Every structure is written in C-alpha cells, then in structure tokens.
Amino acid sequence: MANIAQHVISKCGGAHFVANLLGLKPLEVYRWTYPRERGGRDGFVPARYQVRLLTLARGRGIDLRTDDFFGLDGLPPLMPAANDNPPSPAMSKLTRHRRASNSNQHSEKEGGAA
C-alpha cells in the first residue's frame, strides 16, 4: 500500500467509483493520494468525506472500516492485553487487601441478616 488514500480508493473500487459516490470529480479523489507540494492531501482521505464514504460504501456491501482511514491494521495495540503484564508486587498486595476487605464486608452483612 503506497498510502492510506490509495488503499481506501482501491478498496472502494477506484477513484471514479468513489467520485461518483461522493459527487466529486475523479481528479479531486486522485488528489488525496498526492503530496501536499502537488496540491494533494499527503495520502489521507479528507475528514469531511470519511463518514460519508464509510456509510455509502457499507451500504453497497464494501467492507470499508474506520481502521482503513488511519492505517491501524499494522500498528501494535495501544493498550496491552490484560494478561500481558503481570501486576507489580505493590498492586498485587493492594488487590489482595481489597479482596479481603470486600470478603469481610460480605461476611458481616450475611451474619447480621441471619
């Protein structure tokens, strides 16, 4: 993939198809792929077209996703999975303390209700 705009345009079926969907001239869509020095958008789909293009493409059965506009498919996740990093010893101690405290509160409630 040369840039994100090219990826989105290709996934939707080409610049002419995208232009027809959005009511633009094909040249306007091609410009998204050009560098700024050439009057382009540096490979990004302008924000003002993203939601509309996403909605129209999905309505036509095209599997366009929000990630396609930002190139997130190749990046690592922002947050590690829950089991990736074990808690520090201090956090483990705090968690054990909270669990014990909650357990004692349950016991007191159950004992007082009987």
N, C-alpha and C. Protein backbone atom coordinates (compact mmCIF):
# COMPACT_ATOMS: atom_id res chain seq x y z
N MET A 1 0.85 -1.18 0.00
CA MET A 1 0.00 0.00 0.00
C MET A 1 0.90 1.24 0.00
N ALA A 2 0.74 2.08 -1.00
CA ALA A 2 1.55 3.28 -1.10
C ALA A 2 1.13 4.31 -0.05
N ASN A 3 -0.18 4.53 0.11
CA ASN A 3 -0.66 5.41 1.16
C ASN A 3 -2.11 5.05 1.50
N ILE A 4 -2.60 5.65 2.55
CA ILE A 4 -3.92 5.30 3.06
C ILE A 4 -5.02 5.64 2.05
N ALA A 5 -4.93 6.81 1.43
CA ALA A 5 -5.95 7.20 0.46
C ALA A 5 -6.01 6.20 -0.70
N GLN A 6 -4.86 5.77 -1.18
CA GLN A 6 -4.84 4.78 -2.27
C GLN A 6 -5.50 3.48 -1.82
N HIS A 7 -5.23 3.08 -0.61
CA HIS A 7 -5.83 1.87 -0.06
C HIS A 7 -7.35 1.98 -0.02
N VAL A 8 -7.86 3.09 0.52
CA VAL A 8 -9.30 3.30 0.63
C VAL A 8 -9.94 3.35 -0.75
N ILE A 9 -9.34 4.11 -1.65
CA ILE A 9 -9.87 4.24 -3.01
C ILE A 9 -9.91 2.88 -3.69
N SER A 10 -8.84 2.13 -3.57
CA SER A 10 -8.78 0.79 -4.19
C SER A 10 -9.82 -0.14 -3.59
N LYS A 11 -9.97 -0.10 -2.28
CA LYS A 11 -10.92 -0.98 -1.60
C LYS A 11 -12.35 -0.67 -2.03
N CYS A 12 -12.60 0.59 -2.38
CA CYS A 12 -13.95 1.00 -2.79
C CYS A 12 -14.21 0.78 -4.28
N GLY A 13 -13.19 0.42 -5.04
CA GLY A 13 -13.41 0.16 -6.46
C GLY A 13 -12.84 1.18 -7.41
N GLY A 14 -12.02 2.09 -6.91
CA GLY A 14 -11.35 3.04 -7.78
C GLY A 14 -11.81 4.47 -7.58
N ALA A 15 -11.01 5.39 -8.12
CA ALA A 15 -11.27 6.82 -7.95
C ALA A 15 -12.58 7.25 -8.60
N HIS A 16 -12.89 6.69 -9.76
CA HIS A 16 -14.14 7.08 -10.45
C HIS A 16 -15.36 6.65 -9.62
N PHE A 17 -15.30 5.46 -9.04
CA PHE A 17 -16.41 4.98 -8.23
C PHE A 17 -16.57 5.85 -6.98
N VAL A 18 -15.46 6.16 -6.31
CA VAL A 18 -15.50 6.99 -5.11
C VAL A 18 -16.03 8.38 -5.47
N ALA A 19 -15.56 8.92 -6.58
CA ALA A 19 -16.02 10.24 -7.02
C ALA A 19 -17.53 10.24 -7.26
N ASN A 20 -18.02 9.20 -7.90
CA ASN A 20 -19.47 9.10 -8.15
C ASN A 20 -20.25 8.99 -6.84
N LEU A 21 -19.73 8.21 -5.91
CA LEU A 21 -20.40 8.06 -4.61
C LEU A 21 -20.53 9.40 -3.89
N LEU A 22 -19.46 10.18 -3.94
CA LEU A 22 -19.41 11.42 -3.17
C LEU A 22 -19.83 12.66 -3.96
N GLY A 23 -20.09 12.48 -5.24
CA GLY A 23 -20.46 13.63 -6.07
C GLY A 23 -19.28 14.55 -6.36
N LEU A 24 -18.11 13.97 -6.51
CA LEU A 24 -16.89 14.72 -6.79
C LEU A 24 -16.37 14.38 -8.19
N LYS A 25 -15.42 15.16 -8.64
CA LYS A 25 -14.72 14.83 -9.88
C LYS A 25 -13.61 13.84 -9.54
N PRO A 26 -13.34 12.89 -10.42
CA PRO A 26 -12.28 11.91 -10.14
C PRO A 26 -10.94 12.56 -9.78
N LEU A 27 -10.61 13.68 -10.42
CA LEU A 27 -9.35 14.35 -10.12
C LEU A 27 -9.26 14.76 -8.65
N GLU A 28 -10.40 15.18 -8.06
CA GLU A 28 -10.40 15.55 -6.64
C GLU A 28 -10.05 14.35 -5.77
N VAL A 29 -10.56 13.19 -6.15
CA VAL A 29 -10.27 11.96 -5.38
C VAL A 29 -8.80 11.57 -5.58
N TYR A 30 -8.30 11.65 -6.81
CA TYR A 30 -6.89 11.32 -7.06
C TYR A 30 -5.97 12.23 -6.24
N ARG A 31 -6.35 13.48 -6.07
CA ARG A 31 -5.51 14.43 -5.33
C ARG A 31 -5.28 14.00 -3.88
N TRP A 32 -6.19 13.23 -3.32
CA TRP A 32 -5.98 12.76 -1.96
C TRP A 32 -4.67 11.98 -1.85
N THR A 33 -4.27 11.34 -2.94
CA THR A 33 -3.08 10.49 -2.92
C THR A 33 -1.79 11.27 -3.16
N TYR A 34 -1.90 12.51 -3.61
CA TYR A 34 -0.73 13.32 -3.94
C TYR A 34 -0.11 13.96 -2.70
N PRO A 35 1.20 14.27 -2.78
CA PRO A 35 1.82 15.01 -1.68
C PRO A 35 1.29 16.46 -1.65
N ARG A 36 1.40 17.09 -0.51
CA ARG A 36 0.91 18.47 -0.36
C ARG A 36 1.56 19.42 -1.36
N GLU A 37 2.83 19.19 -1.66
CA GLU A 37 3.55 20.06 -2.60
C GLU A 37 2.88 20.09 -3.98
N ARG A 38 2.15 19.04 -4.28
CA ARG A 38 1.46 18.95 -5.58
C ARG A 38 -0.04 19.23 -5.43
N GLY A 39 -0.43 19.83 -4.32
CA GLY A 39 -1.84 20.17 -4.12
C GLY A 39 -2.67 19.03 -3.57
N GLY A 40 -2.00 18.01 -3.04
CA GLY A 40 -2.70 16.84 -2.54
C GLY A 40 -2.93 16.87 -1.04
N ARG A 41 -3.30 15.71 -0.52
CA ARG A 41 -3.62 15.53 0.91
C ARG A 41 -2.64 14.60 1.61
N ASP A 42 -1.47 14.41 1.02
CA ASP A 42 -0.43 13.56 1.61
C ASP A 42 -0.89 12.14 1.88
N GLY A 43 -1.80 11.63 1.05
CA GLY A 43 -2.21 10.24 1.19
C GLY A 43 -3.32 9.99 2.18
N PHE A 44 -4.02 11.04 2.61
CA PHE A 44 -5.13 10.88 3.54
C PHE A 44 -6.44 11.29 2.90
N VAL A 45 -7.51 10.58 3.26
CA VAL A 45 -8.85 10.95 2.83
C VAL A 45 -9.28 12.12 3.71
N PRO A 46 -9.71 13.24 3.12
CA PRO A 46 -10.13 14.38 3.94
C PRO A 46 -11.22 13.98 4.94
N ALA A 47 -11.12 14.51 6.13
CA ALA A 47 -12.05 14.17 7.21
C ALA A 47 -13.50 14.41 6.81
N ARG A 48 -13.74 15.46 6.04
CA ARG A 48 -15.13 15.79 5.70
C ARG A 48 -15.80 14.72 4.84
N TYR A 49 -15.01 13.81 4.23
CA TYR A 49 -15.58 12.75 3.39
C TYR A 49 -15.58 11.38 4.06
N GLN A 50 -14.87 11.23 5.14
CA GLN A 50 -14.67 9.91 5.72
C GLN A 50 -15.97 9.23 6.15
N VAL A 51 -16.79 9.88 6.93
CA VAL A 51 -18.02 9.25 7.43
C VAL A 51 -18.97 8.96 6.27
N ARG A 52 -19.10 9.93 5.37
CA ARG A 52 -20.00 9.73 4.23
C ARG A 52 -19.54 8.57 3.35
N LEU A 53 -18.24 8.52 3.07
CA LEU A 53 -17.71 7.44 2.25
C LEU A 53 -17.87 6.10 2.95
N LEU A 54 -17.61 6.06 4.23
CA LEU A 54 -17.77 4.83 5.01
C LEU A 54 -19.21 4.35 4.95
N THR A 55 -20.15 5.24 5.16
CA THR A 55 -21.57 4.89 5.15
C THR A 55 -22.03 4.44 3.76
N LEU A 56 -21.66 5.18 2.74
CA LEU A 56 -22.07 4.83 1.37
C LEU A 56 -21.44 3.52 0.91
N ALA A 57 -20.19 3.32 1.24
CA ALA A 57 -19.50 2.08 0.84
C ALA A 57 -20.14 0.87 1.53
N ARG A 58 -20.38 0.97 2.82
CA ARG A 58 -21.01 -0.14 3.55
C ARG A 58 -22.40 -0.43 3.00
N GLY A 59 -23.11 0.62 2.61
CA GLY A 59 -24.44 0.45 2.03
C GLY A 59 -24.42 -0.31 0.71
N ARG A 60 -23.25 -0.33 0.09
CA ARG A 60 -23.09 -1.06 -1.18
C ARG A 60 -22.33 -2.37 -0.99
N GLY A 61 -22.20 -2.79 0.26
CA GLY A 61 -21.57 -4.08 0.55
C GLY A 61 -20.06 -4.08 0.53
N ILE A 62 -19.45 -2.91 0.54
CA ILE A 62 -17.99 -2.81 0.56
C ILE A 62 -17.53 -2.84 2.01
N ASP A 63 -16.58 -3.71 2.31
CA ASP A 63 -16.10 -3.90 3.68
C ASP A 63 -15.08 -2.82 4.04
N LEU A 64 -15.53 -1.58 4.06
CA LEU A 64 -14.68 -0.46 4.43
C LEU A 64 -14.87 -0.22 5.93
N ARG A 65 -13.76 -0.04 6.63
CA ARG A 65 -13.80 0.12 8.08
C ARG A 65 -13.09 1.39 8.49
N THR A 66 -13.36 1.84 9.69
CA THR A 66 -12.71 3.06 10.18
C THR A 66 -11.18 2.90 10.19
N ASP A 67 -10.70 1.72 10.50
CA ASP A 67 -9.25 1.48 10.51
C ASP A 67 -8.62 1.75 9.15
N ASP A 68 -9.38 1.56 8.09
CA ASP A 68 -8.84 1.79 6.75
C ASP A 68 -8.43 3.25 6.54
N PHE A 69 -9.07 4.17 7.23
CA PHE A 69 -8.76 5.59 7.07
C PHE A 69 -7.53 6.03 7.87
N PHE A 70 -7.09 5.18 8.78
CA PHE A 70 -5.99 5.56 9.65
C PHE A 70 -4.81 4.61 9.59
N GLY A 71 -4.91 3.54 8.84
CA GLY A 71 -3.81 2.60 8.70
C GLY A 71 -3.47 1.88 9.98
N LEU A 72 -4.46 1.55 10.79
CA LEU A 72 -4.21 0.93 12.09
C LEU A 72 -3.93 -0.56 12.03
N ASP A 73 -4.14 -1.17 10.87
CA ASP A 73 -4.00 -2.63 10.80
C ASP A 73 -2.59 -3.11 11.07
N GLY A 74 -1.58 -2.31 10.82
CA GLY A 74 -0.22 -2.77 11.02
C GLY A 74 0.42 -2.27 12.31
N LEU A 75 -0.31 -1.54 13.12
CA LEU A 75 0.25 -0.98 14.34
C LEU A 75 -0.04 -1.88 15.53
N PRO A 76 0.84 -1.85 16.52
CA PRO A 76 0.56 -2.63 17.74
C PRO A 76 -0.61 -2.01 18.49
N PRO A 77 -1.28 -2.78 19.34
CA PRO A 77 -2.41 -2.23 20.09
C PRO A 77 -1.94 -1.11 21.03
N LEU A 78 -2.81 -0.15 21.29
CA LEU A 78 -2.47 0.96 22.17
C LEU A 78 -2.35 0.51 23.62
N MET A 79 -3.19 -0.43 24.02
CA MET A 79 -3.18 -0.94 25.39
C MET A 79 -2.81 -2.41 25.36
N PRO A 80 -1.94 -2.85 26.25
CA PRO A 80 -1.62 -4.28 26.28
C PRO A 80 -2.82 -5.08 26.74
N ALA A 81 -2.87 -6.32 26.32
CA ALA A 81 -3.94 -7.21 26.77
C ALA A 81 -3.83 -7.38 28.29
N ALA A 82 -4.91 -7.74 28.92
CA ALA A 82 -4.99 -7.82 30.37
C ALA A 82 -3.90 -8.71 30.97
N ASN A 83 -3.53 -9.79 30.32
CA ASN A 83 -2.57 -10.74 30.88
C ASN A 83 -1.15 -10.53 30.37
N ASP A 84 -0.91 -9.47 29.57
CA ASP A 84 0.42 -9.24 29.02
C ASP A 84 1.44 -8.86 30.09
N ASN A 85 1.05 -8.00 31.00
CA ASN A 85 1.96 -7.54 32.03
C ASN A 85 1.40 -7.91 33.40
N PRO A 86 2.10 -8.77 34.12
CA PRO A 86 1.59 -9.11 35.46
C PRO A 86 1.66 -7.88 36.35
N PRO A 87 0.77 -7.78 37.32
CA PRO A 87 0.76 -6.61 38.20
C PRO A 87 2.03 -6.57 39.05
N SER A 88 2.41 -5.38 39.42
CA SER A 88 3.59 -5.23 40.28
C SER A 88 3.27 -5.82 41.66
N PRO A 89 4.30 -6.12 42.45
CA PRO A 89 4.04 -6.67 43.80
C PRO A 89 3.17 -5.73 44.64
N ALA A 90 3.37 -4.41 44.50
CA ALA A 90 2.55 -3.47 45.27
C ALA A 90 1.09 -3.56 44.86
N MET A 91 0.81 -3.67 43.55
CA MET A 91 -0.56 -3.79 43.08
C MET A 91 -1.16 -5.12 43.52
N SER A 92 -0.36 -6.18 43.51
CA SER A 92 -0.86 -7.48 43.96
C SER A 92 -1.28 -7.41 45.42
N LYS A 93 -0.46 -6.74 46.25
CA LYS A 93 -0.78 -6.60 47.67
C LYS A 93 -2.05 -5.77 47.85
N LEU A 94 -2.20 -4.68 47.10
CA LEU A 94 -3.39 -3.84 47.17
C LEU A 94 -4.63 -4.63 46.75
N THR A 95 -4.51 -5.40 45.68
CA THR A 95 -5.64 -6.20 45.20
C THR A 95 -6.05 -7.23 46.24
N ARG A 96 -5.06 -7.92 46.84
CA ARG A 96 -5.37 -8.91 47.88
C ARG A 96 -6.06 -8.23 49.06
N HIS A 97 -5.58 -7.05 49.44
CA HIS A 97 -6.18 -6.32 50.56
C HIS A 97 -7.63 -5.95 50.25
N ARG A 98 -7.90 -5.48 49.05
CA ARG A 98 -9.26 -5.10 48.67
C ARG A 98 -10.18 -6.32 48.63
N ARG A 99 -9.67 -7.42 48.11
CA ARG A 99 -10.49 -8.64 48.07
C ARG A 99 -10.82 -9.10 49.48
N ALA A 100 -9.84 -9.07 50.36
CA ALA A 100 -10.06 -9.49 51.75
C ALA A 100 -11.05 -8.55 52.43
N SER A 101 -10.92 -7.26 52.16
CA SER A 101 -11.82 -6.27 52.74
C SER A 101 -13.25 -6.49 52.25
N ASN A 102 -13.41 -6.72 50.96
CA ASN A 102 -14.74 -6.99 50.40
C ASN A 102 -15.32 -8.28 50.95
N SER A 103 -14.49 -9.28 51.12
CA SER A 103 -14.94 -10.56 51.65
C SER A 103 -15.44 -10.40 53.08
N ASN A 104 -14.72 -9.59 53.89
CA ASN A 104 -15.14 -9.34 55.27
C ASN A 104 -16.46 -8.60 55.33
N GLN A 105 -16.66 -7.65 54.41
CA GLN A 105 -17.91 -6.90 54.39
C GLN A 105 -19.08 -7.81 54.06
N HIS A 106 -18.89 -8.74 53.12
CA HIS A 106 -19.94 -9.70 52.77
C HIS A 106 -20.27 -10.59 53.97
N SER A 107 -19.25 -11.03 54.68
CA SER A 107 -19.47 -11.89 55.84
C SER A 107 -20.25 -11.17 56.92
N GLU A 108 -19.94 -9.89 57.15
CA GLU A 108 -20.64 -9.12 58.17
C GLU A 108 -22.10 -8.91 57.80
N LYS A 109 -22.36 -8.65 56.49
CA LYS A 109 -23.74 -8.45 56.04
C LYS A 109 -24.54 -9.74 56.18
N GLU A 110 -23.94 -10.84 55.80
CA GLU A 110 -24.63 -12.12 55.87
C GLU A 110 -24.86 -12.51 57.33
N GLY A 111 -23.89 -12.24 58.20
CA GLY A 111 -24.03 -12.58 59.60
C GLY A 111 -25.07 -11.72 60.29
N GLY A 112 -25.16 -10.44 59.93
CA GLY A 112 -26.12 -9.54 60.54
C GLY A 112 -27.54 -9.82 60.07
N ALA A 113 -27.71 -10.38 58.89
CA ALA A 113 -29.06 -10.63 58.35
C ALA A 113 -29.64 -11.91 58.90
N ALA A 114 -28.81 -12.78 59.46
CA ALA A 114 -29.30 -14.10 59.90
C ALA A 114 -30.00 -14.05 61.20
